């Protein structure tokens, strides 16, 4: 059952990344992200399924970074940082998301928040 869900998620995410209309791509990605919960797909540990999880993680990370960049390009930096913070627990490798959050706060000229999230990144890296 989980394997089928993993394949469906991978297929959905691949379809989303292929969308050429940025507004549609963003809308579809946001809807799909809202359906996920932290630590999804963590109950199966066979090599085949772990490979699927890695592919999903890579796509999710790329999508989150793309969404942040698209929002920033459209003057919605606050929404970008909110999105990153909301979905940070969907990825295992959080280092890059922390970097993107810090970047948003730098764009917002909020040194206090950028330092806070840089500190969070350091804590994450040295846990």
PDB file of N, CA and C in Angstrom:
ATOM      1  N   UNK A   1       0.829  -1.201   0.000  1.00  0.00           N
ATOM      2  CA  UNK A   1       0.000   0.000   0.000  1.00  0.00           C
ATOM      3  C   UNK A   1       0.874   1.266   0.000  1.00  0.00           C
ATOM      4  N   UNK A   2       1.834   1.345   0.941  1.00  0.00           N
ATOM      5  CA  UNK A   2       2.711   2.515   0.997  1.00  0.00           C
ATOM      6  C   UNK A   2       3.533   2.654  -0.277  1.00  0.00           C
ATOM      7  N   UNK A   3       3.921   1.519  -0.857  1.00  0.00           N
ATOM      8  CA  UNK A   3       4.705   1.572  -2.083  1.00  0.00           C
ATOM      9  C   UNK A   3       3.900   2.214  -3.204  1.00  0.00           C
ATOM     10  N   UNK A   4       2.617   1.873  -3.303  1.00  0.00           N
ATOM     11  CA  UNK A   4       1.756   2.471  -4.331  1.00  0.00           C
ATOM     12  C   UNK A   4       1.587   3.964  -4.068  1.00  0.00           C
ATOM     13  N   UNK A   5       1.424   4.335  -2.807  1.00  0.00           N
ATOM     14  CA  UNK A   5       1.289   5.753  -2.455  1.00  0.00           C
ATOM     15  C   UNK A   5       2.572   6.497  -2.823  1.00  0.00           C
ATOM     16  N   UNK A   6       3.726   5.888  -2.539  1.00  0.00           N
ATOM     17  CA  UNK A   6       4.999   6.507  -2.892  1.00  0.00           C
ATOM     18  C   UNK A   6       5.139   6.715  -4.387  1.00  0.00           C
ATOM     19  N   UNK A   7       4.759   5.724  -5.163  1.00  0.00           N
ATOM     20  CA  UNK A   7       4.832   5.853  -6.628  1.00  0.00           C
ATOM     21  C   UNK A   7       3.858   6.904  -7.136  1.00  0.00           C
ATOM     22  N   UNK A   8       2.651   6.938  -6.566  1.00  0.00           N
ATOM     23  CA  UNK A   8       1.672   7.958  -6.960  1.00  0.00           C
ATOM     24  C   UNK A   8       2.196   9.359  -6.654  1.00  0.00           C
ATOM     25  N   UNK A   9       2.791   9.527  -5.474  1.00  0.00           N
ATOM     26  CA  UNK A   9       3.344  10.823  -5.091  1.00  0.00           C
ATOM     27  C   UNK A   9       4.475  11.218  -6.028  1.00  0.00           C
ATOM     28  N   UNK A  10       5.351  10.285  -6.326  1.00  0.00           N
ATOM     29  CA  UNK A  10       6.456  10.564  -7.244  1.00  0.00           C
ATOM     30  C   UNK A  10       5.922  10.984  -8.614  1.00  0.00           C
ATOM     31  N   UNK A  11       4.931  10.268  -9.120  1.00  0.00           N
ATOM     32  CA  UNK A  11       4.326  10.594 -10.418  1.00  0.00           C
ATOM     33  C   UNK A  11       3.687  11.982 -10.387  1.00  0.00           C
ATOM     34  N   UNK A  12       2.949  12.281  -9.322  1.00  0.00           N
ATOM     35  CA  UNK A  12       2.310  13.604  -9.190  1.00  0.00           C
ATOM     36  C   UNK A  12       3.357  14.723  -9.168  1.00  0.00           C
ATOM     37  N   UNK A  13       4.406  14.526  -8.386  1.00  0.00           N
ATOM     38  CA  UNK A  13       5.440  15.559  -8.273  1.00  0.00           C
ATOM     39  C   UNK A  13       6.180  15.756  -9.591  1.00  0.00           C
ATOM     40  N   UNK A  14       6.446  14.671 -10.290  1.00  0.00           N
ATOM     41  CA  UNK A  14       7.095  14.790 -11.601  1.00  0.00           C
ATOM     42  C   UNK A  14       6.204  15.553 -12.563  1.00  0.00           C
ATOM     43  N   UNK A  15       4.909  15.279 -12.542  1.00  0.00           N
ATOM     44  CA  UNK A  15       3.961  15.985 -13.411  1.00  0.00           C
ATOM     45  C   UNK A  15       3.969  17.479 -13.087  1.00  0.00           C
ATOM     46  N   UNK A  16       3.965  17.806 -11.807  1.00  0.00           N
ATOM     47  CA  UNK A  16       3.965  19.218 -11.389  1.00  0.00           C
ATOM     48  C   UNK A  16       5.214  19.925 -11.889  1.00  0.00           C
ATOM     49  N   UNK A  17       6.365  19.295 -11.756  1.00  0.00           N
ATOM     50  CA  UNK A  17       7.606  19.948 -12.176  1.00  0.00           C
ATOM     51  C   UNK A  17       7.654  20.192 -13.680  1.00  0.00           C
ATOM     52  N   UNK A  18       6.892  19.438 -14.441  1.00  0.00           N
ATOM     53  CA  UNK A  18       6.897  19.580 -15.897  1.00  0.00           C
ATOM     54  C   UNK A  18       5.964  20.682 -16.395  1.00  0.00           C
ATOM     55  N   UNK A  19       5.184  21.277 -15.524  1.00  0.00           N
ATOM     56  CA  UNK A  19       4.239  22.311 -15.938  1.00  0.00           C
ATOM     57  C   UNK A  19       4.981  23.572 -16.381  1.00  0.00           C
ATOM     58  N   UNK A  20       4.578  24.096 -17.520  1.00  0.00           N
ATOM     59  CA  UNK A  20       5.260  25.275 -18.064  1.00  0.00           C
ATOM     60  C   UNK A  20       4.636  26.589 -17.586  1.00  0.00           C
ATOM     61  N   UNK A  21       3.389  26.547 -17.160  1.00  0.00           N
ATOM     62  CA  UNK A  21       2.716  27.743 -16.647  1.00  0.00           C
ATOM     63  C   UNK A  21       3.078  27.890 -15.167  1.00  0.00           C
ATOM     64  N   UNK A  22       3.871  28.914 -14.805  1.00  0.00           N
ATOM     65  CA  UNK A  22       4.314  29.049 -13.415  1.00  0.00           C
ATOM     66  C   UNK A  22       3.170  29.141 -12.402  1.00  0.00           C
ATOM     67  N   UNK A  23       2.091  29.832 -12.752  1.00  0.00           N
ATOM     68  CA  UNK A  23       0.969  29.967 -11.817  1.00  0.00           C
ATOM     69  C   UNK A  23       0.313  28.608 -11.568  1.00  0.00           C
ATOM     70  N   UNK A  24       0.143  27.817 -12.613  1.00  0.00           N
ATOM     71  CA  UNK A  24      -0.431  26.472 -12.466  1.00  0.00           C
ATOM     72  C   UNK A  24       0.517  25.577 -11.679  1.00  0.00           C
ATOM     73  N   UNK A  25       1.796  25.657 -12.001  1.00  0.00           N
ATOM     74  CA  UNK A  25       2.795  24.850 -11.307  1.00  0.00           C
ATOM     75  C   UNK A  25       2.782  25.166  -9.816  1.00  0.00           C
ATOM     76  N   UNK A  26       2.738  26.444  -9.476  1.00  0.00           N
ATOM     77  CA  UNK A  26       2.721  26.849  -8.075  1.00  0.00           C
ATOM     78  C   UNK A  26       1.460  26.335  -7.383  1.00  0.00           C
ATOM     79  N   UNK A  27       0.316  26.529  -8.016  1.00  0.00           N
ATOM     80  CA  UNK A  27      -0.966  26.113  -7.435  1.00  0.00           C
ATOM     81  C   UNK A  27      -0.984  24.606  -7.184  1.00  0.00           C
ATOM     82  N   UNK A  28      -0.573  23.836  -8.161  1.00  0.00           N
ATOM     83  CA  UNK A  28      -0.567  22.376  -8.032  1.00  0.00           C
ATOM     84  C   UNK A  28       0.423  21.926  -6.953  1.00  0.00           C
ATOM     85  N   UNK A  29       1.592  22.546  -6.922  1.00  0.00           N
ATOM     86  CA  UNK A  29       2.598  22.183  -5.923  1.00  0.00           C
ATOM     87  C   UNK A  29       2.098  22.502  -4.521  1.00  0.00           C
ATOM     88  N   UNK A  30       1.521  23.662  -4.352  1.00  0.00           N
ATOM     89  CA  UNK A  30       1.028  24.055  -3.038  1.00  0.00           C
ATOM     90  C   UNK A  30      -0.082  23.109  -2.565  1.00  0.00           C
ATOM     91  N   UNK A  31      -0.989  22.758  -3.465  1.00  0.00           N
ATOM     92  CA  UNK A  31      -2.059  21.827  -3.093  1.00  0.00           C
ATOM     93  C   UNK A  31      -1.489  20.476  -2.669  1.00  0.00           C
ATOM     94  N   UNK A  32      -0.512  19.991  -3.410  1.00  0.00           N
ATOM     95  CA  UNK A  32       0.072  18.680  -3.098  1.00  0.00           C
ATOM     96  C   UNK A  32       0.840  18.725  -1.783  1.00  0.00           C
ATOM     97  N   UNK A  33       1.564  19.809  -1.540  1.00  0.00           N
ATOM     98  CA  UNK A  33       2.312  19.945  -0.286  1.00  0.00           C
ATOM     99  C   UNK A  33       1.376  19.947   0.918  1.00  0.00           C
ATOM    100  N   UNK A  34       0.217  20.581   0.773  1.00  0.00           N
ATOM    101  CA  UNK A  34      -0.753  20.622   1.868  1.00  0.00           C
ATOM    102  C   UNK A  34      -1.300  19.233   2.197  1.00  0.00           C
ATOM    103  N   UNK A  35      -1.225  18.304   1.271  1.00  0.00           N
ATOM    104  CA  UNK A  35      -1.725  16.945   1.504  1.00  0.00           C
ATOM    105  C   UNK A  35      -0.720  16.067   2.253  1.00  0.00           C
ATOM    106  N   UNK A  36       0.521  16.509   2.298  1.00  0.00           N
ATOM    107  CA  UNK A  36       1.569  15.712   2.935  1.00  0.00           C
ATOM    108  C   UNK A  36       1.691  16.057   4.415  1.00  0.00           C
ATOM    109  N   UNK A  37       2.159  15.094   5.168  1.00  0.00           N
ATOM    110  CA  UNK A  37       2.425  15.315   6.589  1.00  0.00           C
ATOM    111  C   UNK A  37       3.902  15.009   6.836  1.00  0.00           C
ATOM    112  N   UNK A  38       4.496  15.629   7.847  1.00  0.00           N
ATOM    113  CA  UNK A  38       5.900  15.322   8.143  1.00  0.00           C
ATOM    114  C   UNK A  38       6.106  13.819   8.349  1.00  0.00           C
ATOM    115  N   UNK A  39       7.238  13.344   7.913  1.00  0.00           N
ATOM    116  CA  UNK A  39       7.639  11.948   8.056  1.00  0.00           C
ATOM    117  C   UNK A  39       6.740  10.992   7.275  1.00  0.00           C
ATOM    118  N   UNK A  40       6.205  11.473   6.170  1.00  0.00           N
ATOM    119  CA  UNK A  40       5.424  10.623   5.280  1.00  0.00           C
ATOM    120  C   UNK A  40       6.345   9.528   4.733  1.00  0.00           C
ATOM    121  N   UNK A  41       5.791   8.423   4.406  1.00  0.00           N
ATOM    122  CA  UNK A  41       6.510   7.320   3.760  1.00  0.00           C
ATOM    123  C   UNK A  41       7.730   6.841   4.537  1.00  0.00           C
ATOM    124  N   UNK A  42       7.653   6.783   5.853  1.00  0.00           N
ATOM    125  CA  UNK A  42       8.825   6.371   6.624  1.00  0.00           C
ATOM    126  C   UNK A  42       8.705   4.965   7.197  1.00  0.00           C
ATOM    127  N   UNK A  43       7.719   4.213   6.787  1.00  0.00           N
ATOM    128  CA  UNK A  43       7.508   2.905   7.413  1.00  0.00           C
ATOM    129  C   UNK A  43       8.133   1.744   6.646  1.00  0.00           C
ATOM    130  N   UNK A  44       8.604   1.968   5.445  1.00  0.00           N
ATOM    131  CA  UNK A  44       9.183   0.890   4.644  1.00  0.00           C
ATOM    132  C   UNK A  44      10.660   1.178   4.428  1.00  0.00           C
ATOM    133  N   UNK A  45      11.473   0.155   4.620  1.00  0.00           N
ATOM    134  CA  UNK A  45      12.917   0.358   4.555  1.00  0.00           C
ATOM    135  C   UNK A  45      13.626  -0.529   3.543  1.00  0.00           C
ATOM    136  N   UNK A  46      12.905  -1.062   2.553  1.00  0.00           N
ATOM    137  CA  UNK A  46      13.624  -1.848   1.552  1.00  0.00           C
ATOM    138  C   UNK A  46      14.318  -0.898   0.566  1.00  0.00           C
ATOM    139  N   UNK A  47      15.349  -1.386  -0.089  1.00  0.00           N
ATOM    140  CA  UNK A  47      16.186  -0.545  -0.953  1.00  0.00           C
ATOM    141  C   UNK A  47      15.403   0.113  -2.074  1.00  0.00           C
ATOM    142  N   UNK A  48      14.503  -0.621  -2.682  1.00  0.00           N
ATOM    143  CA  UNK A  48      13.708  -0.070  -3.789  1.00  0.00           C
ATOM    144  C   UNK A  48      12.898   1.130  -3.317  1.00  0.00           C
ATOM    145  N   UNK A  49      12.235   0.951  -2.167  1.00  0.00           N
ATOM    146  CA  UNK A  49      11.385   2.027  -1.670  1.00  0.00           C
ATOM    147  C   UNK A  49      12.206   3.211  -1.176  1.00  0.00           C
ATOM    148  N   UNK A  50      13.351   2.945  -0.582  1.00  0.00           N
ATOM    149  CA  UNK A  50      14.221   4.045  -0.154  1.00  0.00           C
ATOM    150  C   UNK A  50      14.668   4.873  -1.355  1.00  0.00           C
ATOM    151  N   UNK A  51      14.890   4.239  -2.485  1.00  0.00           N
ATOM    152  CA  UNK A  51      15.247   4.946  -3.710  1.00  0.00           C
ATOM    153  C   UNK A  51      14.103   5.871  -4.146  1.00  0.00           C
ATOM    154  N   UNK A  52      12.875   5.403  -4.042  1.00  0.00           N
ATOM    155  CA  UNK A  52      11.697   6.227  -4.369  1.00  0.00           C
ATOM    156  C   UNK A  52      11.634   7.422  -3.420  1.00  0.00           C
ATOM    157  N   UNK A  53      11.856   7.175  -2.134  1.00  0.00           N
ATOM    158  CA  UNK A  53      11.830   8.269  -1.151  1.00  0.00           C
ATOM    159  C   UNK A  53      12.871   9.330  -1.467  1.00  0.00           C
ATOM    160  N   UNK A  54      14.063   8.908  -1.864  1.00  0.00           N
ATOM    161  CA  UNK A  54      15.124   9.862  -2.208  1.00  0.00           C
ATOM    162  C   UNK A  54      14.688  10.708  -3.404  1.00  0.00           C
ATOM    163  N   UNK A  55      14.104  10.084  -4.414  1.00  0.00           N
ATOM    164  CA  UNK A  55      13.628  10.827  -5.589  1.00  0.00           C
ATOM    165  C   UNK A  55      12.549  11.831  -5.202  1.00  0.00           C
ATOM    166  N   UNK A  56      11.641  11.422  -4.337  1.00  0.00           N
ATOM    167  CA  UNK A  56      10.582  12.325  -3.865  1.00  0.00           C
ATOM    168  C   UNK A  56      11.189  13.500  -3.121  1.00  0.00           C
ATOM    169  N   UNK A  57      12.138  13.221  -2.235  1.00  0.00           N
ATOM    170  CA  UNK A  57      12.809  14.276  -1.470  1.00  0.00           C
ATOM    171  C   UNK A  57      13.469  15.307  -2.378  1.00  0.00           C
ATOM    172  N   UNK A  58      14.164  14.830  -3.394  1.00  0.00           N
ATOM    173  CA  UNK A  58      14.856  15.733  -4.319  1.00  0.00           C
ATOM    174  C   UNK A  58      13.859  16.628  -5.032  1.00  0.00           C
ATOM    175  N   UNK A  59      12.770  16.044  -5.504  1.00  0.00           N
ATOM    176  CA  UNK A  59      11.755  16.831  -6.209  1.00  0.00           C
ATOM    177  C   UNK A  59      11.099  17.821  -5.263  1.00  0.00           C
ATOM    178  N   UNK A  60      10.766  17.379  -4.055  1.00  0.00           N
ATOM    179  CA  UNK A  60      10.149  18.289  -3.077  1.00  0.00           C
ATOM    180  C   UNK A  60      11.060  19.466  -2.763  1.00  0.00           C
ATOM    181  N   UNK A  61      12.317  19.195  -2.545  1.00  0.00           N
ATOM    182  CA  UNK A  61      13.274  20.254  -2.255  1.00  0.00           C
ATOM    183  C   UNK A  61      13.368  21.231  -3.424  1.00  0.00           C
ATOM    184  N   UNK A  62      13.484  20.696  -4.632  1.00  0.00           N
ATOM    185  CA  UNK A  62      13.540  21.552  -5.824  1.00  0.00           C
ATOM    186  C   UNK A  62      12.273  22.382  -5.972  1.00  0.00           C
ATOM    187  N   UNK A  63      11.119  21.757  -5.723  1.00  0.00           N
ATOM    188  CA  UNK A  63       9.848  22.486  -5.835  1.00  0.00           C
ATOM    189  C   UNK A  63       9.752  23.596  -4.806  1.00  0.00           C
ATOM    190  N   UNK A  64      10.131  23.304  -3.572  1.00  0.00           N
ATOM    191  CA  UNK A  64      10.074  24.340  -2.533  1.00  0.00           C
ATOM    192  C   UNK A  64      10.973  25.523  -2.871  1.00  0.00           C
ATOM    193  N   UNK A  65      12.165  25.240  -3.361  1.00  0.00           N
ATOM    194  CA  UNK A  65      13.077  26.321  -3.733  1.00  0.00           C
ATOM    195  C   UNK A  65      12.531  27.083  -4.933  1.00  0.00           C
ATOM    196  N   UNK A  66      11.982  26.368  -5.908  1.00  0.00           N
ATOM    197  CA  UNK A  66      11.381  27.050  -7.062  1.00  0.00           C
ATOM    198  C   UNK A  66      10.217  27.933  -6.624  1.00  0.00           C
ATOM    199  N   UNK A  67       9.357  27.409  -5.736  1.00  0.00           N
ATOM    200  CA  UNK A  67       8.210  28.185  -5.260  1.00  0.00           C
ATOM    201  C   UNK A  67       8.668  29.454  -4.551  1.00  0.00           C
ATOM    202  N   UNK A  68       9.706  29.328  -3.724  1.00  0.00           N
ATOM    203  CA  UNK A  68      10.246  30.493  -3.025  1.00  0.00           C
ATOM    204  C   UNK A  68      10.752  31.529  -4.018  1.00  0.00           C
ATOM    205  N   UNK A  69      11.512  31.078  -5.004  1.00  0.00           N
ATOM    206  CA  UNK A  69      12.057  32.005  -6.004  1.00  0.00           C
ATOM    207  C   UNK A  69      10.946  32.669  -6.801  1.00  0.00           C
ATOM    208  N   UNK A  70       9.927  31.904  -7.173  1.00  0.00           N
ATOM    209  CA  UNK A  70       8.820  32.463  -7.957  1.00  0.00           C
ATOM    210  C   UNK A  70       8.070  33.509  -7.142  1.00  0.00           C
ATOM    211  N   UNK A  71       7.816  33.211  -5.870  1.00  0.00           N
ATOM    212  CA  UNK A  71       7.143  34.191  -5.017  1.00  0.00           C
ATOM    213  C   UNK A  71       7.991  35.453  -4.850  1.00  0.00           C
ATOM    214  N   UNK A  72       9.289  35.285  -4.640  1.00  0.00           N
ATOM    215  CA  UNK A  72      10.172  36.448  -4.474  1.00  0.00           C
ATOM    216  C   UNK A  72      10.204  37.299  -5.744  1.00  0.00           C
ATOM    217  N   UNK A  73      10.261  36.643  -6.899  1.00  0.00           N
ATOM    218  CA  UNK A  73      10.247  37.380  -8.171  1.00  0.00           C
ATOM    219  C   UNK A  73       8.962  38.178  -8.343  1.00  0.00           C
ATOM    220  N   UNK A  74       7.891  37.723  -7.715  1.00  0.00           N
ATOM    221  CA  UNK A  74       6.600  38.397  -7.820  1.00  0.00           C
ATOM    222  C   UNK A  74       6.315  39.284  -6.612  1.00  0.00           C
ATOM    223  N   UNK A  75       7.381  39.615  -5.860  1.00  0.00           N
ATOM    224  CA  UNK A  75       7.252  40.552  -4.753  1.00  0.00           C
ATOM    225  C   UNK A  75       6.552  40.006  -3.525  1.00  0.00           C
ATOM    226  N   UNK A  76       6.511  38.687  -3.385  1.00  0.00           N
ATOM    227  CA  UNK A  76       5.818  38.068  -2.254  1.00  0.00           C
ATOM    228  C   UNK A  76       6.813  37.337  -1.348  1.00  0.00           C
ATOM    229  N   UNK A  77       7.794  38.085  -0.880  1.00  0.00           N
ATOM    230  CA  UNK A  77       8.854  37.496  -0.069  1.00  0.00           C
ATOM    231  C   UNK A  77       8.300  36.980   1.261  1.00  0.00           C
ATOM    232  N   UNK A  78       7.381  37.718   1.870  1.00  0.00           N
ATOM    233  CA  UNK A  78       6.801  37.269   3.140  1.00  0.00           C
ATOM    234  C   UNK A  78       6.059  35.951   2.969  1.00  0.00           C
ATOM    235  N   UNK A  79       5.333  35.812   1.876  1.00  0.00           N
ATOM    236  CA  UNK A  79       4.624  34.557   1.614  1.00  0.00           C
ATOM    237  C   UNK A  79       5.628  33.428   1.361  1.00  0.00           C
ATOM    238  N   UNK A  80       6.737  33.749   0.708  1.00  0.00           N
ATOM    239  CA  UNK A  80       7.764  32.743   0.440  1.00  0.00           C
ATOM    240  C   UNK A  80       8.339  32.197   1.742  1.00  0.00           C
ATOM    241  N   UNK A  81       8.661  33.085   2.673  1.00  0.00           N
ATOM    242  CA  UNK A  81       9.238  32.627   3.935  1.00  0.00           C
ATOM    243  C   UNK A  81       8.209  31.832   4.732  1.00  0.00           C
ATOM    244  N   UNK A  82       6.961  32.247   4.707  1.00  0.00           N
ATOM    245  CA  UNK A  82       5.892  31.506   5.386  1.00  0.00           C
ATOM    246  C   UNK A  82       5.782  30.098   4.815  1.00  0.00           C
ATOM    247  N   UNK A  83       5.823  29.986   3.507  1.00  0.00           N
ATOM    248  CA  UNK A  83       5.724  28.694   2.822  1.00  0.00           C
ATOM    249  C   UNK A  83       6.881  27.777   3.222  1.00  0.00           C
ATOM    250  N   UNK A  84       8.093  28.305   3.219  1.00  0.00           N
ATOM    251  CA  UNK A  84       9.261  27.510   3.575  1.00  0.00           C
ATOM    252  C   UNK A  84       9.188  27.012   5.014  1.00  0.00           C
ATOM    253  N   UNK A  85       8.799  27.890   5.916  1.00  0.00           N
ATOM    254  CA  UNK A  85       8.701  27.504   7.324  1.00  0.00           C
ATOM    255  C   UNK A  85       7.608  26.458   7.517  1.00  0.00           C
ATOM    256  N   UNK A  86       6.492  26.645   6.836  1.00  0.00           N
ATOM    257  CA  UNK A  86       5.372  25.717   6.967  1.00  0.00           C
ATOM    258  C   UNK A  86       5.737  24.309   6.503  1.00  0.00           C
ATOM    259  N   UNK A  87       6.507  24.214   5.428  1.00  0.00           N
ATOM    260  CA  UNK A  87       6.784  22.913   4.829  1.00  0.00           C
ATOM    261  C   UNK A  87       8.190  22.377   5.102  1.00  0.00           C
ATOM    262  N   UNK A  88       8.935  23.011   5.996  1.00  0.00           N
ATOM    263  CA  UNK A  88      10.316  22.575   6.241  1.00  0.00           C
ATOM    264  C   UNK A  88      10.393  21.125   6.712  1.00  0.00           C
ATOM    265  N   UNK A  89       9.404  20.665   7.446  1.00  0.00           N
ATOM    266  CA  UNK A  89       9.447  19.305   7.979  1.00  0.00           C
ATOM    267  C   UNK A  89       9.063  18.239   6.952  1.00  0.00           C
ATOM    268  N   UNK A  90       8.762  18.635   5.739  1.00  0.00           N
ATOM    269  CA  UNK A  90       8.462  17.646   4.698  1.00  0.00           C
ATOM    270  C   UNK A  90       9.726  17.061   4.082  1.00  0.00           C
ATOM    271  N   UNK A  91      10.862  17.708   4.317  1.00  0.00           N
ATOM    272  CA  UNK A  91      12.116  17.207   3.747  1.00  0.00           C
ATOM    273  C   UNK A  91      13.063  16.804   4.871  1.00  0.00           C
ATOM    274  N   UNK A  92      13.839  15.779   4.610  1.00  0.00           N
ATOM    275  CA  UNK A  92      14.811  15.314   5.592  1.00  0.00           C
ATOM    276  C   UNK A  92      16.043  16.217   5.609  1.00  0.00           C
ATOM    277  N   UNK A  93      16.491  16.636   4.437  1.00  0.00           N
ATOM    278  CA  UNK A  93      17.681  17.485   4.319  1.00  0.00           C
ATOM    279  C   UNK A  93      17.257  18.953   4.398  1.00  0.00           C
ATOM    280  N   UNK A  94      17.150  19.453   5.600  1.00  0.00           N
ATOM    281  CA  UNK A  94      16.616  20.795   5.832  1.00  0.00           C
ATOM    282  C   UNK A  94      17.623  21.920   5.601  1.00  0.00           C
ATOM    283  N   UNK A  95      18.885  21.595   5.482  1.00  0.00           N
ATOM    284  CA  UNK A  95      19.935  22.611   5.367  1.00  0.00           C
ATOM    285  C   UNK A  95      19.620  23.634   4.282  1.00  0.00           C
ATOM    286  N   UNK A  96      19.189  23.163   3.125  1.00  0.00           N
ATOM    287  CA  UNK A  96      18.925  24.064   2.005  1.00  0.00           C
ATOM    288  C   UNK A  96      17.698  24.932   2.254  1.00  0.00           C
ATOM    289  N   UNK A  97      16.718  24.401   2.953  1.00  0.00           N
ATOM    290  CA  UNK A  97      15.527  25.190   3.280  1.00  0.00           C
ATOM    291  C   UNK A  97      15.897  26.294   4.270  1.00  0.00           C
ATOM    292  N   UNK A  98      16.735  25.969   5.246  1.00  0.00           N
ATOM    293  CA  UNK A  98      17.202  27.005   6.166  1.00  0.00           C
ATOM    294  C   UNK A  98      17.901  28.127   5.402  1.00  0.00           C
ATOM    295  N   UNK A  99      18.722  27.766   4.431  1.00  0.00           N
ATOM    296  CA  UNK A  99      19.404  28.784   3.620  1.00  0.00           C
ATOM    297  C   UNK A  99      18.407  29.683   2.906  1.00  0.00           C
ATOM    298  N   UNK A 100      17.353  29.082   2.377  1.00  0.00           N
ATOM    299  CA  UNK A 100      16.341  29.855   1.648  1.00  0.00           C
ATOM    300  C   UNK A 100      15.553  30.763   2.589  1.00  0.00           C
ATOM    301  N   UNK A 101      15.276  30.295   3.792  1.00  0.00           N
ATOM    302  CA  UNK A 101      14.580  31.130   4.781  1.00  0.00           C
ATOM    303  C   UNK A 101      15.457  32.322   5.159  1.00  0.00           C
ATOM    304  N   UNK A 102      16.730  32.070   5.414  1.00  0.00           N
ATOM    305  CA  UNK A 102      17.665  33.160   5.733  1.00  0.00           C
ATOM    306  C   UNK A 102      17.698  34.161   4.589  1.00  0.00           C
ATOM    307  N   UNK A 103      17.758  33.666   3.359  1.00  0.00           N
ATOM    308  CA  UNK A 103      17.763  34.547   2.185  1.00  0.00           C
ATOM    309  C   UNK A 103      16.519  35.429   2.142  1.00  0.00           C
ATOM    310  N   UNK A 104      15.374  34.858   2.451  1.00  0.00           N
ATOM    311  CA  UNK A 104      14.130  35.646   2.467  1.00  0.00           C
ATOM    312  C   UNK A 104      14.206  36.762   3.501  1.00  0.00           C
ATOM    313  N   UNK A 105      14.669  36.430   4.690  1.00  0.00           N
ATOM    314  CA  UNK A 105      14.744  37.459   5.728  1.00  0.00           C
ATOM    315  C   UNK A 105      15.784  38.520   5.400  1.00  0.00           C
ATOM    316  N   UNK A 106      16.828  38.149   4.702  1.00  0.00           N
ATOM    317  CA  UNK A 106      17.787  39.154   4.239  1.00  0.00           C
ATOM    318  C   UNK A 106      17.105  40.077   3.237  1.00  0.00           C
ATOM    319  N   UNK A 107      16.320  39.506   2.323  1.00  0.00           N
ATOM    320  CA  UNK A 107      15.581  40.314   1.349  1.00  0.00           C
ATOM    321  C   UNK A 107      14.590  41.253   2.047  1.00  0.00           C
ATOM    322  N   UNK A 108      14.033  40.781   3.171  1.00  0.00           N
ATOM    323  CA  UNK A 108      13.093  41.597   3.942  1.00  0.00           C
ATOM    324  C   UNK A 108      13.805  42.569   4.890  1.00  0.00           C
ATOM    325  N   UNK A 109      15.144  42.544   4.857  1.00  0.00           N
ATOM    326  CA  UNK A 109      15.972  43.396   5.707  1.00  0.00           C
ATOM    327  C   UNK A 109      15.661  43.177   7.192  1.00  0.00           C
ATOM    328  N   UNK A 110      15.489  41.912   7.554  1.00  0.00           N
ATOM    329  CA  UNK A 110      15.195  41.550   8.935  1.00  0.00           C
ATOM    330  C   UNK A 110      16.365  40.720   9.467  1.00  0.00           C
ATOM    331  N   UNK A 111      17.370  41.422   9.966  1.00  0.00           N
ATOM    332  CA  UNK A 111      18.586  40.768  10.449  1.00  0.00           C
ATOM    333  C   UNK A 111      18.335  39.859  11.638  1.00  0.00           C
ATOM    334  N   UNK A 112      17.427  40.266  12.512  1.00  0.00           N
ATOM    335  CA  UNK A 112      17.139  39.451  13.694  1.00  0.00           C
ATOM    336  C   UNK A 112      16.609  38.073  13.297  1.00  0.00           C
ATOM    337  N   UNK A 113      15.657  38.051  12.375  1.00  0.00           N
ATOM    338  CA  UNK A 113      15.090  36.773  11.923  1.00  0.00           C
ATOM    339  C   UNK A 113      16.098  35.974  11.096  1.00  0.00           C
ATOM    340  N   UNK A 114      16.886  36.648  10.277  1.00  0.00           N
ATOM    341  CA  UNK A 114      17.867  35.915   9.475  1.00  0.00           C
ATOM    342  C   UNK A 114      18.908  35.265  10.388  1.00  0.00           C
ATOM    343  N   UNK A 115      19.323  35.952  11.441  1.00  0.00           N
ATOM    344  CA  UNK A 115      20.268  35.376  12.393  1.00  0.00           C
ATOM    345  C   UNK A 115      19.633  34.215  13.164  1.00  0.00           C
ATOM    346  N   UNK A 116      18.366  34.369  13.527  1.00  0.00           N
ATOM    347  CA  UNK A 116      17.654  33.297  14.221  1.00  0.00           C
ATOM    348  C   UNK A 116      17.644  32.022  13.370  1.00  0.00           C
ATOM    349  N   UNK A 117      17.298  32.153  12.077  1.00  0.00           N
ATOM    350  CA  UNK A 117      17.206  30.978  11.213  1.00  0.00           C
ATOM    351  C   UNK A 117      18.583  30.421  10.860  1.00  0.00           C
ATOM    352  N   UNK A 118      19.578  31.268  10.829  1.00  0.00           N
ATOM    353  CA  UNK A 118      20.942  30.773  10.650  1.00  0.00           C
ATOM    354  C   UNK A 118      21.356  29.946  11.873  1.00  0.00           C
ATOM    355  N   UNK A 119      20.965  30.409  13.051  1.00  0.00           N
ATOM    356  CA  UNK A 119      21.217  29.655  14.273  1.00  0.00           C
ATOM    357  C   UNK A 119      20.466  28.319  14.254  1.00  0.00           C
ATOM    358  N   UNK A 120      19.233  28.328  13.772  1.00  0.00           N
ATOM    359  CA  UNK A 120      18.457  27.086  13.659  1.00  0.00           C
ATOM    360  C   UNK A 120      19.149  26.092  12.722  1.00  0.00           C
ATOM    361  N   UNK A 121      19.704  26.620  11.642  1.00  0.00           N
ATOM    362  CA  UNK A 121      20.430  25.768  10.694  1.00  0.00           C
ATOM    363  C   UNK A 121      21.633  25.137  11.383  1.00  0.00           C
ATOM    364  N   UNK A 122      22.390  25.922  12.129  1.00  0.00           N
ATOM    365  CA  UNK A 122      23.564  25.392  12.827  1.00  0.00           C
ATOM    366  C   UNK A 122      23.163  24.320  13.833  1.00  0.00           C
ATOM    367  N   UNK A 123      22.093  24.548  14.544  1.00  0.00           N
ATOM    368  CA  UNK A 123      21.602  23.536  15.494  1.00  0.00           C
ATOM    369  C   UNK A 123      21.230  22.252  14.773  1.00  0.00           C
ATOM    370  N   UNK A 124      20.569  22.413  13.645  1.00  0.00           N
ATOM    371  CA  UNK A 124      20.170  21.247  12.844  1.00  0.00           C
ATOM    372  C   UNK A 124      21.404  20.472  12.373  1.00  0.00           C
ATOM    373  N   UNK A 125      22.409  21.192  11.908  1.00  0.00           N
ATOM    374  CA  UNK A 125      23.605  20.537  11.376  1.00  0.00           C
ATOM    375  C   UNK A 125      24.423  19.815  12.437  1.00  0.00           C
ATOM    376  N   UNK A 126      24.355  20.306  13.664  1.00  0.00           N
ATOM    377  CA  UNK A 126      25.179  19.729  14.727  1.00  0.00           C
ATOM    378  C   UNK A 126      24.385  18.949  15.762  1.00  0.00           C
ATOM    379  N   UNK A 127      23.182  18.531  15.407  1.00  0.00           N
ATOM    380  CA  UNK A 127      22.365  17.707  16.319  1.00  0.00           C
ATOM    381  C   UNK A 127      23.013  16.366  16.530  1.00  0.00           C
TER     382      UNK A 127
END
